[in-house]
């Protein structure tokens, strides 16, 4: 029996046949956004640990303490921006009727 005569093998499916073009980008964007949120949370946690270590090893030096406070503040703002983008995408999803997230 030759390979061309085998009838039980299904042809490979394409992602573009099952999804609409807009749904493809919405699904891709939602996956990227959820990945970014988890990476941002992990990055914030690591920066918080590093800032805590820097704070403990600053030995009371005012300039190093200010730098640590700036690091914590900047990482917190970054985390808030990423989480706010998630909620903004949910609002856009409701307004436009798309299935993004």
N, C-alpha and C. Protein backbone atom coordinates (compact mmCIF):
# COMPACT_ATOMS: atom_id res chain seq x y z
N UNK A 1 0.85 -1.17 0.00
CA UNK A 1 0.00 0.00 0.00
C UNK A 1 0.90 1.24 0.00
N UNK A 2 0.65 2.12 -0.92
CA UNK A 2 1.44 3.33 -1.03
C UNK A 2 0.84 4.41 -0.14
N UNK A 3 1.66 5.39 0.22
CA UNK A 3 1.24 6.46 1.13
C UNK A 3 0.09 7.28 0.55
N UNK A 4 0.06 7.47 -0.75
CA UNK A 4 -0.99 8.26 -1.37
C UNK A 4 -2.34 7.56 -1.29
N UNK A 5 -2.37 6.26 -1.04
CA UNK A 5 -3.62 5.52 -0.98
C UNK A 5 -4.20 5.45 0.43
N UNK A 6 -3.46 5.93 1.43
CA UNK A 6 -3.94 5.90 2.81
C UNK A 6 -5.01 6.97 2.96
N UNK A 7 -6.18 6.58 3.44
CA UNK A 7 -7.30 7.52 3.55
C UNK A 7 -7.59 7.95 4.98
N UNK A 8 -6.92 7.38 5.97
CA UNK A 8 -7.24 7.72 7.35
C UNK A 8 -6.45 8.93 7.86
N UNK A 9 -5.53 9.44 7.07
CA UNK A 9 -4.74 10.59 7.48
C UNK A 9 -5.50 11.86 7.10
N UNK A 10 -5.77 12.69 8.09
CA UNK A 10 -6.47 13.95 7.84
C UNK A 10 -5.47 15.02 7.43
N UNK A 11 -5.87 15.92 6.56
CA UNK A 11 -4.94 16.99 6.17
C UNK A 11 -4.72 17.93 7.35
N UNK A 12 -3.58 18.55 7.41
CA UNK A 12 -3.33 19.48 8.52
C UNK A 12 -4.29 20.65 8.47
N UNK A 13 -4.78 21.02 9.62
CA UNK A 13 -5.71 22.15 9.67
C UNK A 13 -4.92 23.45 9.74
N UNK A 14 -5.52 24.49 9.26
CA UNK A 14 -4.89 25.79 9.29
C UNK A 14 -5.62 26.67 10.29
N UNK A 15 -4.89 27.50 10.97
CA UNK A 15 -5.49 28.40 11.95
C UNK A 15 -6.38 29.43 11.26
N UNK A 16 -6.09 29.74 10.01
CA UNK A 16 -6.87 30.75 9.31
C UNK A 16 -8.19 30.20 8.79
N UNK A 17 -8.34 28.87 8.73
CA UNK A 17 -9.61 28.30 8.29
C UNK A 17 -10.63 28.28 9.41
N UNK A 18 -10.17 28.18 10.65
CA UNK A 18 -11.10 28.03 11.77
C UNK A 18 -11.44 29.36 12.42
N UNK A 19 -10.60 30.35 12.30
CA UNK A 19 -10.84 31.64 12.95
C UNK A 19 -11.03 32.71 11.90
N UNK A 20 -11.77 33.70 12.28
CA UNK A 20 -11.82 34.88 11.46
C UNK A 20 -10.51 35.64 11.60
N UNK A 21 -10.21 36.46 10.63
CA UNK A 21 -8.94 37.18 10.66
C UNK A 21 -8.86 38.09 11.88
N UNK A 22 -9.97 38.76 12.24
CA UNK A 22 -9.98 39.64 13.42
C UNK A 22 -9.86 38.82 14.70
N UNK A 23 -10.46 37.65 14.73
CA UNK A 23 -10.36 36.80 15.92
C UNK A 23 -8.94 36.29 16.11
N UNK A 24 -8.23 36.07 15.02
CA UNK A 24 -6.85 35.61 15.13
C UNK A 24 -6.00 36.64 15.86
N UNK A 25 -6.12 37.91 15.44
CA UNK A 25 -5.32 38.95 16.08
C UNK A 25 -5.80 39.22 17.50
N UNK A 26 -7.09 39.09 17.75
CA UNK A 26 -7.60 39.28 19.10
C UNK A 26 -7.08 38.19 20.02
N UNK A 27 -7.07 36.95 19.55
CA UNK A 27 -6.55 35.85 20.36
C UNK A 27 -5.05 36.00 20.58
N UNK A 28 -4.34 36.37 19.53
CA UNK A 28 -2.90 36.57 19.66
C UNK A 28 -2.59 37.69 20.64
N UNK A 29 -3.31 38.80 20.54
CA UNK A 29 -3.08 39.93 21.44
C UNK A 29 -3.43 39.58 22.87
N UNK A 30 -4.49 38.82 23.08
CA UNK A 30 -4.87 38.46 24.44
C UNK A 30 -3.83 37.54 25.07
N UNK A 31 -3.28 36.63 24.29
CA UNK A 31 -2.24 35.75 24.82
C UNK A 31 -0.98 36.54 25.16
N UNK A 32 -0.63 37.48 24.30
CA UNK A 32 0.55 38.31 24.56
C UNK A 32 0.32 39.16 25.80
N UNK A 33 -0.89 39.71 25.95
CA UNK A 33 -1.19 40.56 27.09
C UNK A 33 -1.16 39.77 28.40
N UNK A 34 -1.73 38.57 28.40
CA UNK A 34 -1.69 37.76 29.62
C UNK A 34 -0.27 37.33 29.95
N UNK A 35 0.53 37.05 28.95
CA UNK A 35 1.94 36.73 29.17
C UNK A 35 2.68 37.94 29.74
N UNK A 36 2.38 39.12 29.22
CA UNK A 36 3.03 40.35 29.70
C UNK A 36 2.66 40.63 31.15
N UNK A 37 1.42 40.36 31.52
CA UNK A 37 1.00 40.59 32.90
C UNK A 37 1.74 39.66 33.85
N UNK A 38 1.88 38.40 33.47
CA UNK A 38 2.58 37.47 34.35
C UNK A 38 4.08 37.80 34.44
N UNK A 39 4.67 38.21 33.32
CA UNK A 39 6.09 38.61 33.34
C UNK A 39 6.27 39.88 34.16
N UNK A 40 5.31 40.83 34.06
CA UNK A 40 5.40 42.06 34.83
C UNK A 40 5.30 41.77 36.33
N UNK A 41 4.43 40.85 36.71
CA UNK A 41 4.33 40.47 38.12
C UNK A 41 5.60 39.83 38.63
N UNK A 42 6.19 38.96 37.83
CA UNK A 42 7.44 38.34 38.22
C UNK A 42 8.57 39.36 38.29
N UNK A 43 8.61 40.28 37.31
CA UNK A 43 9.63 41.32 37.30
C UNK A 43 9.49 42.23 38.53
N UNK A 44 8.24 42.60 38.87
CA UNK A 44 8.00 43.44 40.05
C UNK A 44 8.48 42.73 41.31
N UNK A 45 8.20 41.43 41.42
CA UNK A 45 8.61 40.69 42.61
C UNK A 45 10.13 40.63 42.73
N UNK A 46 10.81 40.38 41.61
CA UNK A 46 12.28 40.33 41.63
C UNK A 46 12.85 41.70 41.98
N UNK A 47 12.30 42.77 41.37
CA UNK A 47 12.79 44.12 41.68
C UNK A 47 12.52 44.47 43.13
N UNK A 48 11.40 44.02 43.68
CA UNK A 48 11.10 44.28 45.09
C UNK A 48 12.10 43.57 46.00
N UNK A 49 12.44 42.34 45.68
CA UNK A 49 13.45 41.62 46.46
C UNK A 49 14.82 42.29 46.36
N UNK A 50 15.19 42.69 45.15
CA UNK A 50 16.49 43.35 44.98
C UNK A 50 16.52 44.71 45.68
N UNK A 51 15.41 45.42 45.65
CA UNK A 51 15.34 46.71 46.33
C UNK A 51 15.41 46.53 47.85
N UNK A 52 14.77 45.49 48.35
CA UNK A 52 14.84 45.20 49.78
C UNK A 52 16.25 44.88 50.22
N UNK A 53 16.95 44.12 49.39
CA UNK A 53 18.35 43.82 49.71
C UNK A 53 19.20 45.09 49.65
N UNK A 54 18.96 45.93 48.65
CA UNK A 54 19.71 47.19 48.54
C UNK A 54 19.40 48.10 49.72
N UNK A 55 18.16 48.10 50.17
CA UNK A 55 17.78 48.92 51.32
C UNK A 55 18.48 48.44 52.58
N UNK A 56 18.54 47.13 52.77
CA UNK A 56 19.20 46.61 53.96
C UNK A 56 20.71 46.83 53.92
N UNK A 57 21.28 46.85 52.73
CA UNK A 57 22.73 47.04 52.64
C UNK A 57 23.13 48.49 52.41
N UNK A 58 22.18 49.42 52.50
CA UNK A 58 22.50 50.83 52.26
C UNK A 58 23.23 51.48 53.43
N UNK A 59 23.15 50.89 54.60
CA UNK A 59 23.84 51.37 55.80
C UNK A 59 23.46 52.80 56.17
N UNK A 60 22.22 53.17 55.90
CA UNK A 60 21.74 54.48 56.29
C UNK A 60 22.13 55.61 55.36
N UNK A 61 22.72 55.31 54.23
CA UNK A 61 23.12 56.34 53.27
C UNK A 61 21.86 56.88 52.58
N UNK A 62 21.64 58.19 52.74
CA UNK A 62 20.41 58.81 52.25
C UNK A 62 20.25 58.70 50.73
N UNK A 63 21.33 58.87 49.98
CA UNK A 63 21.22 58.81 48.52
C UNK A 63 20.88 57.40 48.04
N UNK A 64 21.43 56.39 48.68
CA UNK A 64 21.10 55.01 48.30
C UNK A 64 19.67 54.67 48.68
N UNK A 65 19.20 55.19 49.80
CA UNK A 65 17.82 54.94 50.21
C UNK A 65 16.85 55.60 49.24
N UNK A 66 17.17 56.83 48.78
CA UNK A 66 16.32 57.49 47.78
C UNK A 66 16.29 56.71 46.47
N UNK A 67 17.44 56.17 46.08
CA UNK A 67 17.49 55.36 44.85
C UNK A 67 16.65 54.10 44.98
N UNK A 68 16.68 53.48 46.14
CA UNK A 68 15.86 52.28 46.37
C UNK A 68 14.38 52.64 46.32
N UNK A 69 14.01 53.77 46.92
CA UNK A 69 12.61 54.19 46.88
C UNK A 69 12.16 54.49 45.46
N UNK A 70 13.04 55.07 44.65
CA UNK A 70 12.72 55.32 43.24
C UNK A 70 12.53 54.02 42.47
N UNK A 71 13.38 53.03 42.75
CA UNK A 71 13.26 51.73 42.09
C UNK A 71 11.94 51.06 42.41
N UNK A 72 11.56 51.08 43.68
CA UNK A 72 10.29 50.46 44.08
C UNK A 72 9.12 51.21 43.45
N UNK A 73 9.17 52.53 43.46
CA UNK A 73 8.10 53.32 42.88
C UNK A 73 7.97 53.08 41.38
N UNK A 74 9.09 53.07 40.67
CA UNK A 74 9.05 52.85 39.23
C UNK A 74 8.56 51.45 38.87
N UNK A 75 8.98 50.44 39.61
CA UNK A 75 8.51 49.09 39.32
C UNK A 75 7.02 48.95 39.65
N UNK A 76 6.56 49.62 40.70
CA UNK A 76 5.13 49.58 41.03
C UNK A 76 4.30 50.28 39.95
N UNK A 77 4.78 51.41 39.45
CA UNK A 77 4.07 52.09 38.37
C UNK A 77 4.02 51.24 37.11
N UNK A 78 5.10 50.55 36.80
CA UNK A 78 5.12 49.66 35.65
C UNK A 78 4.11 48.54 35.79
N UNK A 79 4.03 47.95 36.98
CA UNK A 79 3.05 46.90 37.22
C UNK A 79 1.64 47.44 37.10
N UNK A 80 1.39 48.62 37.63
CA UNK A 80 0.06 49.22 37.53
C UNK A 80 -0.32 49.53 36.09
N UNK A 81 0.63 49.95 35.28
CA UNK A 81 0.34 50.23 33.87
C UNK A 81 -0.05 48.96 33.13
N UNK A 82 0.66 47.88 33.40
CA UNK A 82 0.34 46.62 32.72
C UNK A 82 -1.02 46.09 33.17
N UNK A 83 -1.32 46.14 34.46
CA UNK A 83 -2.61 45.68 34.95
C UNK A 83 -3.73 46.59 34.45
N UNK A 84 -3.48 47.89 34.38
CA UNK A 84 -4.49 48.81 33.85
C UNK A 84 -4.74 48.54 32.37
N UNK A 85 -3.72 48.13 31.64
CA UNK A 85 -3.94 47.80 30.22
C UNK A 85 -4.84 46.58 30.09
N UNK A 86 -4.75 45.64 31.02
CA UNK A 86 -5.64 44.48 31.00
C UNK A 86 -7.09 44.92 31.19
N UNK A 87 -7.32 45.79 32.17
CA UNK A 87 -8.68 46.25 32.40
C UNK A 87 -9.18 47.15 31.26
N UNK A 88 -8.29 47.92 30.67
CA UNK A 88 -8.65 48.73 29.52
C UNK A 88 -9.06 47.85 28.34
N UNK A 89 -8.37 46.75 28.15
CA UNK A 89 -8.74 45.82 27.08
C UNK A 89 -10.09 45.18 27.34
N UNK A 90 -10.43 44.95 28.60
CA UNK A 90 -11.75 44.42 28.91
C UNK A 90 -12.83 45.45 28.58
N UNK A 91 -12.57 46.72 28.85
CA UNK A 91 -13.54 47.77 28.52
C UNK A 91 -13.70 47.88 27.01
N UNK A 92 -12.59 47.86 26.28
CA UNK A 92 -12.66 47.93 24.82
C UNK A 92 -13.40 46.71 24.27
N UNK A 93 -13.20 45.56 24.89
CA UNK A 93 -13.89 44.35 24.47
C UNK A 93 -15.40 44.51 24.60
N UNK A 94 -15.85 45.08 25.70
CA UNK A 94 -17.29 45.28 25.91
C UNK A 94 -17.86 46.32 24.97
N UNK A 95 -17.12 47.40 24.73
CA UNK A 95 -17.64 48.46 23.87
C UNK A 95 -17.73 48.00 22.42
N UNK A 96 -16.68 47.35 21.91
CA UNK A 96 -16.66 46.95 20.51
C UNK A 96 -17.29 45.59 20.25
N UNK A 97 -17.58 44.83 21.29
CA UNK A 97 -18.19 43.52 21.13
C UNK A 97 -17.24 42.47 20.61
N UNK A 98 -15.94 42.66 20.78
CA UNK A 98 -14.95 41.69 20.34
C UNK A 98 -14.66 40.69 21.45
N UNK A 99 -14.03 39.61 21.08
CA UNK A 99 -13.61 38.62 22.06
C UNK A 99 -12.09 38.66 22.13
N UNK A 100 -11.57 39.60 22.91
CA UNK A 100 -10.12 39.80 22.98
C UNK A 100 -9.53 38.98 24.13
N UNK A 101 -10.11 39.06 25.31
CA UNK A 101 -9.53 38.38 26.47
C UNK A 101 -10.33 37.16 26.82
